[in-house]
Structures are given as C-alpha cells and as structure tokens.
Amino acid sequence: MKFALEAVCVMLGESANDWADLKKVIRRPDFIKSVINFDVTQLTDKVRAHLLKTYVQDPNFAYDVVNNASKAWSV
C-alpha cells in the first residue's frame, strides 16, 4: 500500500519519504480530487523515468499485490 501511495505522491509532485509524509498528503481535503483530475500529460520525462525505474518495473507494484496490501491495511 505504501509503495503505491508513494508513486501517486511522486506523480502529484508531493514528498513521499515516509508514512508521515504520505498521511499528510492523503488526509488533505483535495487529495481524491487531485488524483481524479490528474493530467498525465503534465508529467515530465524525468518524473516518468523515475516512476518507471522505481515503481512500475518492481514486481510489488502489481495490482494484486497492492490490492491485497490495501485490504490488510484497512482491517
């Protein structure tokens, strides 16, 4: 779960160094709106490359892994 949230924060241009940072971002009243309205065409090549290298290519970034982690986290 943390891993997926880190990637979202990177795309949004937010700091995602630890759980404290992530909690601050996801607790913002406009967090969901910022994710829903996110324009992927605004991502820079540098951010795309970082996301690909750090997150997308990691096997733990798969839907099933993240989905199972989020279910465990919500219990």
N, C-alpha and C. Protein backbone atom coordinates (compact mmCIF):
# COMPACT_ATOMS: atom_id res chain seq x y z
N MET A 1 0.82 -1.19 0.00
CA MET A 1 0.00 0.00 0.00
C MET A 1 0.87 1.25 0.00
N LYS A 2 1.85 1.30 0.89
CA LYS A 2 2.74 2.45 0.97
C LYS A 2 3.45 2.69 -0.36
N PHE A 3 3.87 1.62 -0.98
CA PHE A 3 4.60 1.70 -2.24
C PHE A 3 3.75 2.37 -3.32
N ALA A 4 2.49 1.99 -3.42
CA ALA A 4 1.59 2.58 -4.41
C ALA A 4 1.31 4.05 -4.09
N LEU A 5 1.12 4.36 -2.83
CA LEU A 5 0.88 5.75 -2.44
C LEU A 5 2.10 6.63 -2.71
N GLU A 6 3.28 6.06 -2.55
CA GLU A 6 4.50 6.81 -2.88
C GLU A 6 4.47 7.22 -4.35
N ALA A 7 4.12 6.29 -5.21
CA ALA A 7 4.07 6.57 -6.65
C ALA A 7 3.06 7.67 -6.96
N VAL A 8 1.91 7.61 -6.32
CA VAL A 8 0.89 8.64 -6.52
C VAL A 8 1.43 10.00 -6.07
N CYS A 9 2.09 10.02 -4.94
CA CYS A 9 2.65 11.29 -4.44
C CYS A 9 3.71 11.83 -5.39
N VAL A 10 4.54 10.96 -5.93
CA VAL A 10 5.56 11.40 -6.89
C VAL A 10 4.88 12.04 -8.09
N MET A 11 3.83 11.41 -8.60
CA MET A 11 3.12 11.97 -9.76
C MET A 11 2.51 13.32 -9.42
N LEU A 12 2.04 13.48 -8.20
CA LEU A 12 1.41 14.73 -7.80
C LEU A 12 2.44 15.80 -7.40
N GLY A 13 3.72 15.41 -7.39
CA GLY A 13 4.76 16.36 -7.02
C GLY A 13 4.91 16.57 -5.53
N GLU A 14 4.45 15.61 -4.77
CA GLU A 14 4.50 15.70 -3.31
C GLU A 14 5.66 14.89 -2.74
N SER A 15 6.11 15.25 -1.56
CA SER A 15 7.14 14.50 -0.87
C SER A 15 6.54 13.19 -0.36
N ALA A 16 7.29 12.11 -0.53
CA ALA A 16 6.79 10.81 -0.10
C ALA A 16 7.92 10.01 0.55
N ASN A 17 8.57 10.61 1.51
CA ASN A 17 9.72 9.97 2.12
C ASN A 17 9.37 8.92 3.18
N ASP A 18 8.25 9.08 3.84
CA ASP A 18 7.87 8.14 4.89
C ASP A 18 6.35 8.19 5.10
N TRP A 19 5.87 7.35 6.02
CA TRP A 19 4.43 7.30 6.28
C TRP A 19 3.87 8.64 6.73
N ALA A 20 4.65 9.39 7.48
CA ALA A 20 4.17 10.69 7.95
C ALA A 20 3.87 11.61 6.77
N ASP A 21 4.77 11.63 5.79
CA ASP A 21 4.53 12.43 4.58
C ASP A 21 3.30 11.95 3.84
N LEU A 22 3.20 10.64 3.67
CA LEU A 22 2.06 10.08 2.94
C LEU A 22 0.73 10.41 3.62
N LYS A 23 0.70 10.27 4.94
CA LYS A 23 -0.53 10.57 5.68
C LYS A 23 -0.95 12.02 5.51
N LYS A 24 0.03 12.93 5.52
CA LYS A 24 -0.28 14.34 5.34
C LYS A 24 -0.94 14.59 3.99
N VAL A 25 -0.42 13.93 2.96
CA VAL A 25 -0.95 14.13 1.62
C VAL A 25 -2.34 13.52 1.49
N ILE A 26 -2.53 12.29 1.93
CA ILE A 26 -3.83 11.62 1.71
C ILE A 26 -4.92 12.17 2.62
N ARG A 27 -4.55 12.87 3.66
CA ARG A 27 -5.55 13.47 4.56
C ARG A 27 -6.02 14.84 4.09
N ARG A 28 -5.40 15.37 3.08
CA ARG A 28 -5.82 16.67 2.56
C ARG A 28 -7.22 16.56 1.97
N PRO A 29 -8.03 17.56 2.17
CA PRO A 29 -9.40 17.52 1.66
C PRO A 29 -9.48 17.38 0.13
N ASP A 30 -8.45 17.85 -0.57
CA ASP A 30 -8.49 17.81 -2.03
C ASP A 30 -7.71 16.63 -2.63
N PHE A 31 -7.28 15.68 -1.80
CA PHE A 31 -6.45 14.59 -2.31
C PHE A 31 -7.16 13.77 -3.39
N ILE A 32 -8.35 13.28 -3.11
CA ILE A 32 -9.08 12.46 -4.08
C ILE A 32 -9.33 13.26 -5.36
N LYS A 33 -9.73 14.50 -5.20
CA LYS A 33 -9.98 15.35 -6.36
C LYS A 33 -8.71 15.52 -7.20
N SER A 34 -7.57 15.69 -6.54
CA SER A 34 -6.32 15.87 -7.27
C SER A 34 -5.92 14.61 -8.02
N VAL A 35 -6.25 13.45 -7.48
CA VAL A 35 -5.97 12.19 -8.17
C VAL A 35 -6.92 12.02 -9.36
N ILE A 36 -8.19 12.25 -9.14
CA ILE A 36 -9.19 12.10 -10.20
C ILE A 36 -8.92 13.05 -11.35
N ASN A 37 -8.55 14.27 -11.04
CA ASN A 37 -8.34 15.29 -12.07
C ASN A 37 -6.90 15.37 -12.57
N PHE A 38 -6.07 14.42 -12.18
CA PHE A 38 -4.67 14.47 -12.56
C PHE A 38 -4.51 14.35 -14.08
N ASP A 39 -3.68 15.22 -14.63
CA ASP A 39 -3.43 15.25 -16.08
C ASP A 39 -2.06 14.62 -16.35
N VAL A 40 -2.07 13.39 -16.85
CA VAL A 40 -0.81 12.68 -17.08
C VAL A 40 0.07 13.35 -18.12
N THR A 41 -0.51 14.18 -18.96
CA THR A 41 0.30 14.86 -19.97
C THR A 41 1.23 15.90 -19.34
N GLN A 42 1.01 16.22 -18.07
CA GLN A 42 1.84 17.20 -17.38
C GLN A 42 3.08 16.57 -16.72
N LEU A 43 3.18 15.24 -16.75
CA LEU A 43 4.35 14.58 -16.17
C LEU A 43 5.59 14.89 -17.01
N THR A 44 6.66 15.23 -16.35
CA THR A 44 7.90 15.48 -17.08
C THR A 44 8.57 14.15 -17.42
N ASP A 45 9.48 14.18 -18.36
CA ASP A 45 10.23 12.98 -18.72
C ASP A 45 11.01 12.45 -17.52
N LYS A 46 11.53 13.37 -16.71
CA LYS A 46 12.29 12.98 -15.53
C LYS A 46 11.41 12.21 -14.54
N VAL A 47 10.20 12.70 -14.30
CA VAL A 47 9.29 12.03 -13.37
C VAL A 47 8.85 10.69 -13.95
N ARG A 48 8.56 10.65 -15.24
CA ARG A 48 8.18 9.38 -15.89
C ARG A 48 9.28 8.34 -15.74
N ALA A 49 10.52 8.74 -15.99
CA ALA A 49 11.65 7.82 -15.88
C ALA A 49 11.80 7.32 -14.45
N HIS A 50 11.63 8.21 -13.48
CA HIS A 50 11.73 7.83 -12.06
C HIS A 50 10.62 6.84 -11.70
N LEU A 51 9.40 7.12 -12.13
CA LEU A 51 8.28 6.22 -11.85
C LEU A 51 8.51 4.84 -12.47
N LEU A 52 8.98 4.82 -13.69
CA LEU A 52 9.23 3.56 -14.39
C LEU A 52 10.30 2.75 -13.66
N LYS A 53 11.40 3.39 -13.35
CA LYS A 53 12.52 2.71 -12.72
C LYS A 53 12.21 2.27 -11.29
N THR A 54 11.60 3.14 -10.53
CA THR A 54 11.41 2.89 -9.09
C THR A 54 10.15 2.09 -8.78
N TYR A 55 9.10 2.29 -9.54
CA TYR A 55 7.82 1.67 -9.20
C TYR A 55 7.31 0.67 -10.24
N VAL A 56 7.11 1.11 -11.44
CA VAL A 56 6.45 0.29 -12.46
C VAL A 56 7.19 -1.02 -12.72
N GLN A 57 8.50 -0.99 -12.73
CA GLN A 57 9.26 -2.20 -13.02
C GLN A 57 9.39 -3.13 -11.81
N ASP A 58 8.97 -2.69 -10.66
CA ASP A 58 9.04 -3.51 -9.45
C ASP A 58 7.86 -4.47 -9.40
N PRO A 59 8.10 -5.77 -9.19
CA PRO A 59 7.01 -6.75 -9.14
C PRO A 59 5.99 -6.46 -8.03
N ASN A 60 6.39 -5.74 -7.00
CA ASN A 60 5.46 -5.41 -5.91
C ASN A 60 4.49 -4.30 -6.28
N PHE A 61 4.64 -3.75 -7.46
CA PHE A 61 3.75 -2.69 -7.93
C PHE A 61 2.57 -3.25 -8.73
N ALA A 62 2.41 -4.54 -8.74
CA ALA A 62 1.32 -5.20 -9.45
C ALA A 62 -0.01 -4.97 -8.74
N TYR A 63 -1.08 -4.95 -9.52
CA TYR A 63 -2.42 -4.72 -8.97
C TYR A 63 -2.73 -5.67 -7.82
N ASP A 64 -2.51 -6.96 -8.01
CA ASP A 64 -2.86 -7.94 -6.99
C ASP A 64 -2.11 -7.70 -5.68
N VAL A 65 -0.85 -7.36 -5.77
CA VAL A 65 -0.05 -7.11 -4.57
C VAL A 65 -0.57 -5.88 -3.83
N VAL A 66 -0.79 -4.80 -4.56
CA VAL A 66 -1.28 -3.57 -3.94
C VAL A 66 -2.69 -3.76 -3.39
N ASN A 67 -3.54 -4.44 -4.13
CA ASN A 67 -4.91 -4.68 -3.69
C ASN A 67 -4.94 -5.50 -2.40
N ASN A 68 -4.12 -6.55 -2.32
CA ASN A 68 -4.07 -7.36 -1.10
C ASN A 68 -3.52 -6.56 0.07
N ALA A 69 -2.54 -5.73 -0.19
CA ALA A 69 -1.98 -4.89 0.88
C ALA A 69 -3.01 -3.89 1.39
N SER A 70 -3.80 -3.33 0.48
CA SER A 70 -4.79 -2.35 0.92
C SER A 70 -5.89 -3.01 1.73
N LYS A 71 -6.24 -4.24 1.40
CA LYS A 71 -7.25 -4.96 2.19
C LYS A 71 -6.74 -5.25 3.59
N ALA A 72 -5.48 -5.66 3.69
CA ALA A 72 -4.88 -5.95 5.00
C ALA A 72 -4.75 -4.69 5.82
N TRP A 73 -4.43 -3.58 5.15
CA TRP A 73 -4.23 -2.31 5.83
C TRP A 73 -5.54 -1.77 6.40
N SER A 74 -6.65 -2.04 5.73
CA SER A 74 -7.94 -1.49 6.14
C SER A 74 -8.59 -2.28 7.27
N VAL A 75 -8.04 -3.43 7.60
CA VAL A 75 -8.64 -4.28 8.65
C VAL A 75 -8.33 -3.74 10.01
